[in-house]
Structure formats: structure tokens, C-alpha cells
């Protein structure tokens, strides 16, 4: 086979086995233990409960502020969250630096008091996609109807809607992908 433009067969530059085309789960450090790591690393007294969400680019840590009653009104909740954000900034950044070195992802923070949740910093990652006219028409309809401000917002709305209605299926798919990645990492016995 003749080398492609990237030097390797078919133009692939230094990529090993795996799914063709772009990002690979194996390219990132495993973050399966992130929730446990944060539970052990976060200072005592910050949160009563912590939710840790991990994706390819970001780890989001949202904690229920410790010692705050669930019935707190929205204005007081926002004030407490704001105070927590200001008072813990340096410590949160130090923890984020450690986690970023360990997991290879940006760490974003948030806090919750009752029904009030605030995300302090989080990524809005651009996603390149090519849509044909029928798909663009759907997005434009959502924009024209005032459901979304832009095509980007409309696409995010569609993704949230699918996620809400297909969560169990998406969970099964994630589990299956994890098993495939484990088998790929193990490799064949020679």
C-alpha cells in the first residue's frame, strides 16, 4: 500500500488501532474513580453531598452546601452560593489543578442550595457538524418559534430532549462502550 499524505497507510499519522476518525476513549486517562477522588480530596465541611459528572472535556463538580436548610429562599440561596464561591476560590483552583493533572480534563464547579443551583465556570464546547437542509429546517423552526435564540441553542435543546427521553438506552450504550474499551486495552493474547 502506498503511503498517504500523512506518511502512513491511507494518510493516518501515527494512530494505532481503534475506532477510525478522531477522538478515542483510550486517549484520555480513566476517570471512573473521579467521584471517589473528589469525595476524598474536598475539604470537610464544604458540601453535604457532591455530584461529579465526567465527559471527554470536563469534570463538573456540583455540591450541596453543608449546613444550609433545604427550605432557604432563592435570594438567600444565591447569596450563600456567591459567598461560598468567593471564599473557596483559591482552594477550589488548587483542587482543580490536581484533578486536571490526574484526569486530563478541565474541572468546573457549581453549588446547590435547595432548588437553587449555580455553575461557576463550565465549558461551552463548540461541536462541528454538517447538517442537510431538512435538519437545518428543524433548527430554524425552533429559532423562528422563539424556542431557541440561534441554531446552536436549538441544537443544544434537541440534544437535551433526546438525552431526557433516552437516558436508559444511553446508559446501556455507555456501559457497552466501556466494555469494548477494556477489551481493546487488554489486546489479544499472543
Protein backbone atom coordinates (compact mmCIF):
# COMPACT_ATOMS: atom_id res chain seq x y z
CA UNK A 1 0.00 0.00 0.00
CA UNK A 2 1.30 3.41 -0.92
CA UNK A 3 1.71 5.89 1.96
CA UNK A 4 -0.96 8.54 2.14
CA UNK A 5 -0.44 12.27 2.75
CA UNK A 6 0.14 11.75 6.46
CA UNK A 7 3.03 9.35 5.88
CA UNK A 8 1.26 6.14 6.93
CA UNK A 9 -1.12 3.87 5.05
CA UNK A 10 -4.14 5.84 3.91
CA UNK A 11 -2.73 9.06 5.40
CA UNK A 12 -3.11 8.02 9.03
CA UNK A 13 -0.44 9.76 11.03
CA UNK A 14 0.80 7.69 13.95
CA UNK A 15 -2.61 6.47 15.04
CA UNK A 16 -2.78 2.94 16.34
CA UNK A 17 -5.67 0.53 16.35
CA UNK A 18 -9.04 1.75 17.46
CA UNK A 19 -12.14 3.33 16.12
CA UNK A 20 -11.35 5.27 12.97
CA UNK A 21 -11.68 9.02 12.87
CA UNK A 22 -10.83 11.32 15.69
CA UNK A 23 -11.25 11.10 19.41
CA UNK A 24 -10.74 7.79 21.17
CA UNK A 25 -11.82 6.90 24.70
CA UNK A 26 -8.35 5.41 25.23
CA UNK A 27 -6.74 8.82 24.53
CA UNK A 28 -7.78 10.12 27.96
CA UNK A 29 -6.85 8.98 31.45
CA UNK A 30 -9.57 6.84 33.01
CA UNK A 31 -11.86 8.95 35.20
CA UNK A 32 -14.08 6.17 36.59
CA UNK A 33 -12.86 6.95 40.11
CA UNK A 34 -13.31 10.75 39.85
CA UNK A 35 -16.32 10.90 42.20
CA UNK A 36 -14.41 8.94 44.87
CA UNK A 37 -11.27 11.03 44.36
CA UNK A 38 -13.20 14.28 44.84
CA UNK A 39 -15.03 12.84 47.87
CA UNK A 40 -11.65 12.14 49.47
CA UNK A 41 -9.95 15.35 48.30
CA UNK A 42 -12.56 18.04 49.01
CA UNK A 43 -12.25 19.78 52.38
CA UNK A 44 -14.64 18.60 55.08
CA UNK A 45 -17.48 20.99 55.67
CA UNK A 46 -17.88 22.27 52.11
CA UNK A 47 -20.70 20.02 50.94
CA UNK A 48 -23.32 17.66 52.35
CA UNK A 49 -23.46 15.84 49.01
CA UNK A 50 -21.41 16.08 45.78
CA UNK A 51 -22.39 15.20 42.21
CA UNK A 52 -19.45 14.62 39.86
CA UNK A 53 -20.13 14.42 36.13
CA UNK A 54 -17.38 13.44 33.68
CA UNK A 55 -17.26 13.75 29.91
CA UNK A 56 -14.46 13.96 27.33
CA UNK A 57 -13.56 17.60 28.01
CA UNK A 58 -14.75 18.40 31.51
CA UNK A 59 -15.36 17.21 35.04
CA UNK A 60 -18.18 19.13 36.69
CA UNK A 61 -18.34 19.12 40.49
CA UNK A 62 -21.60 20.41 41.99
CA UNK A 63 -22.07 20.20 45.74
CA UNK A 64 -24.97 20.83 48.09
CA UNK A 65 -23.64 23.40 50.54
CA UNK A 66 -23.19 21.97 54.01
CA UNK A 67 -25.31 23.18 56.89
CA UNK A 68 -27.85 25.11 54.79
CA UNK A 69 -31.53 24.28 55.17
CA UNK A 70 -33.27 22.99 52.05
CA UNK A 71 -36.16 25.48 52.53
CA UNK A 72 -33.91 28.52 52.11
CA UNK A 73 -35.50 31.09 49.78
CA UNK A 74 -33.94 31.77 46.36
CA UNK A 75 -32.33 35.12 47.22
CA UNK A 76 -30.66 33.75 50.37
CA UNK A 77 -29.58 30.63 48.47
CA UNK A 78 -27.98 32.75 45.74
CA UNK A 79 -26.21 34.81 48.41
CA UNK A 80 -24.83 31.75 50.18
CA UNK A 81 -23.65 30.26 46.90
CA UNK A 82 -21.98 33.55 45.96
CA UNK A 83 -20.23 33.73 49.35
CA UNK A 84 -19.07 30.12 49.04
CA UNK A 85 -17.70 30.83 45.56
CA UNK A 86 -15.70 33.84 46.73
CA UNK A 87 -14.39 32.30 49.96
CA UNK A 88 -13.26 29.00 48.42
CA UNK A 89 -11.85 30.17 45.08
CA UNK A 90 -8.15 29.58 45.83
CA UNK A 91 -8.78 26.16 47.38
CA UNK A 92 -11.07 25.10 44.53
CA UNK A 93 -8.46 26.12 41.97
CA UNK A 94 -5.78 24.08 43.76
CA UNK A 95 -8.05 21.01 43.81
CA UNK A 96 -8.92 21.62 40.13
CA UNK A 97 -5.22 21.77 39.20
CA UNK A 98 -4.59 18.41 40.88
CA UNK A 99 -7.64 16.82 39.22
CA UNK A 100 -6.73 18.25 35.80
CA UNK A 101 -3.25 16.73 36.08
CA UNK A 102 -4.74 13.39 37.14
CA UNK A 103 -7.64 13.13 34.67
CA UNK A 104 -6.60 15.31 31.72
CA UNK A 105 -9.85 17.30 31.77
CA UNK A 106 -10.91 20.79 32.80
CA UNK A 107 -12.63 20.95 36.19
CA UNK A 108 -15.73 23.12 36.56
CA UNK A 109 -17.50 23.96 39.81
CA UNK A 110 -21.01 24.62 41.00
CA UNK A 111 -23.02 24.72 44.21
CA UNK A 112 -26.58 23.93 45.20
CA UNK A 113 -28.84 25.14 48.00
CA UNK A 114 -32.27 23.51 47.87
CA UNK A 115 -33.68 24.07 44.38
CA UNK A 116 -31.13 26.78 43.52
CA UNK A 117 -28.05 25.63 41.60
CA UNK A 118 -25.30 27.83 40.17
CA UNK A 119 -22.44 26.72 37.93
CA UNK A 120 -19.43 28.97 38.45
CA UNK A 121 -17.40 28.06 35.43
CA UNK A 122 -18.12 25.47 32.81
CA UNK A 123 -17.21 24.82 29.23
CA UNK A 124 -19.38 25.52 26.23
CA UNK A 125 -17.59 23.34 23.71
CA UNK A 126 -18.11 24.06 20.03
CA UNK A 127 -19.20 20.99 18.11
CA UNK A 128 -18.65 20.95 14.38
CA UNK A 129 -21.42 19.27 12.44
CA UNK A 130 -22.72 19.19 8.91
CA UNK A 131 -26.46 19.32 8.59
CA UNK A 132 -28.53 18.86 5.48
CA UNK A 133 -31.43 21.13 4.68
CA UNK A 134 -34.13 19.06 6.48
CA UNK A 135 -32.11 19.16 9.74
CA UNK A 136 -31.37 22.89 9.32
CA UNK A 137 -35.10 23.49 8.76
CA UNK A 138 -35.86 21.87 12.13
CA UNK A 139 -33.35 24.15 13.86
CA UNK A 140 -34.62 27.23 12.01
CA UNK A 141 -38.21 26.40 13.01
CA UNK A 142 -37.15 26.29 16.68
CA UNK A 143 -35.39 29.65 16.29
CA UNK A 144 -38.32 31.23 14.43
CA UNK A 145 -40.75 29.98 17.09
CA UNK A 146 -38.66 31.55 19.86
CA UNK A 147 -37.76 28.21 21.45
CA UNK A 148 -34.07 28.95 20.82
CA UNK A 149 -32.03 32.09 20.14
CA UNK A 150 -29.84 30.53 17.45
CA UNK A 151 -29.21 27.32 15.56
CA UNK A 152 -26.60 26.46 18.18
CA UNK A 153 -29.13 26.88 21.00
CA UNK A 154 -31.68 24.88 19.01
CA UNK A 155 -29.23 22.03 18.53
CA UNK A 156 -28.40 22.04 22.26
CA UNK A 157 -32.15 21.97 23.01
CA UNK A 158 -32.58 18.93 20.71
CA UNK A 159 -29.66 17.13 22.36
CA UNK A 160 -31.13 17.76 25.85
CA UNK A 161 -34.53 16.50 24.68
CA UNK A 162 -33.05 13.27 23.30
CA UNK A 163 -30.98 12.83 26.47
CA UNK A 164 -34.04 13.26 28.68
CA UNK A 165 -36.07 10.70 26.74
CA UNK A 166 -33.37 8.14 26.03
CA UNK A 167 -31.33 8.14 29.25
CA UNK A 168 -31.68 4.40 29.98
CA UNK A 169 -30.67 3.50 26.42
CA UNK A 170 -27.73 5.94 26.51
CA UNK A 171 -26.64 4.39 29.83
CA UNK A 172 -26.64 0.92 28.29
CA UNK A 173 -24.68 2.25 25.33
CA UNK A 174 -22.07 3.84 27.64
CA UNK A 175 -21.68 0.55 29.54
CA UNK A 176 -21.20 -1.37 26.30
CA UNK A 177 -18.58 1.15 25.10
CA UNK A 178 -16.73 0.79 28.40
CA UNK A 179 -16.54 -2.98 27.90
CA UNK A 180 -15.27 -2.53 24.33
CA UNK A 181 -12.59 -0.11 25.56
CA UNK A 182 -11.49 -2.58 28.26
CA UNK A 183 -11.18 -5.35 25.67
CA UNK A 184 -9.26 -3.06 23.32
CA UNK A 185 -6.83 -2.08 26.09
CA UNK A 186 -6.32 -5.72 27.05
CA UNK A 187 -5.45 -6.67 23.46
CA UNK A 188 -5.10 -10.15 22.07
CA UNK A 189 -3.04 -12.77 23.88
CA UNK A 190 -0.12 -13.74 21.67
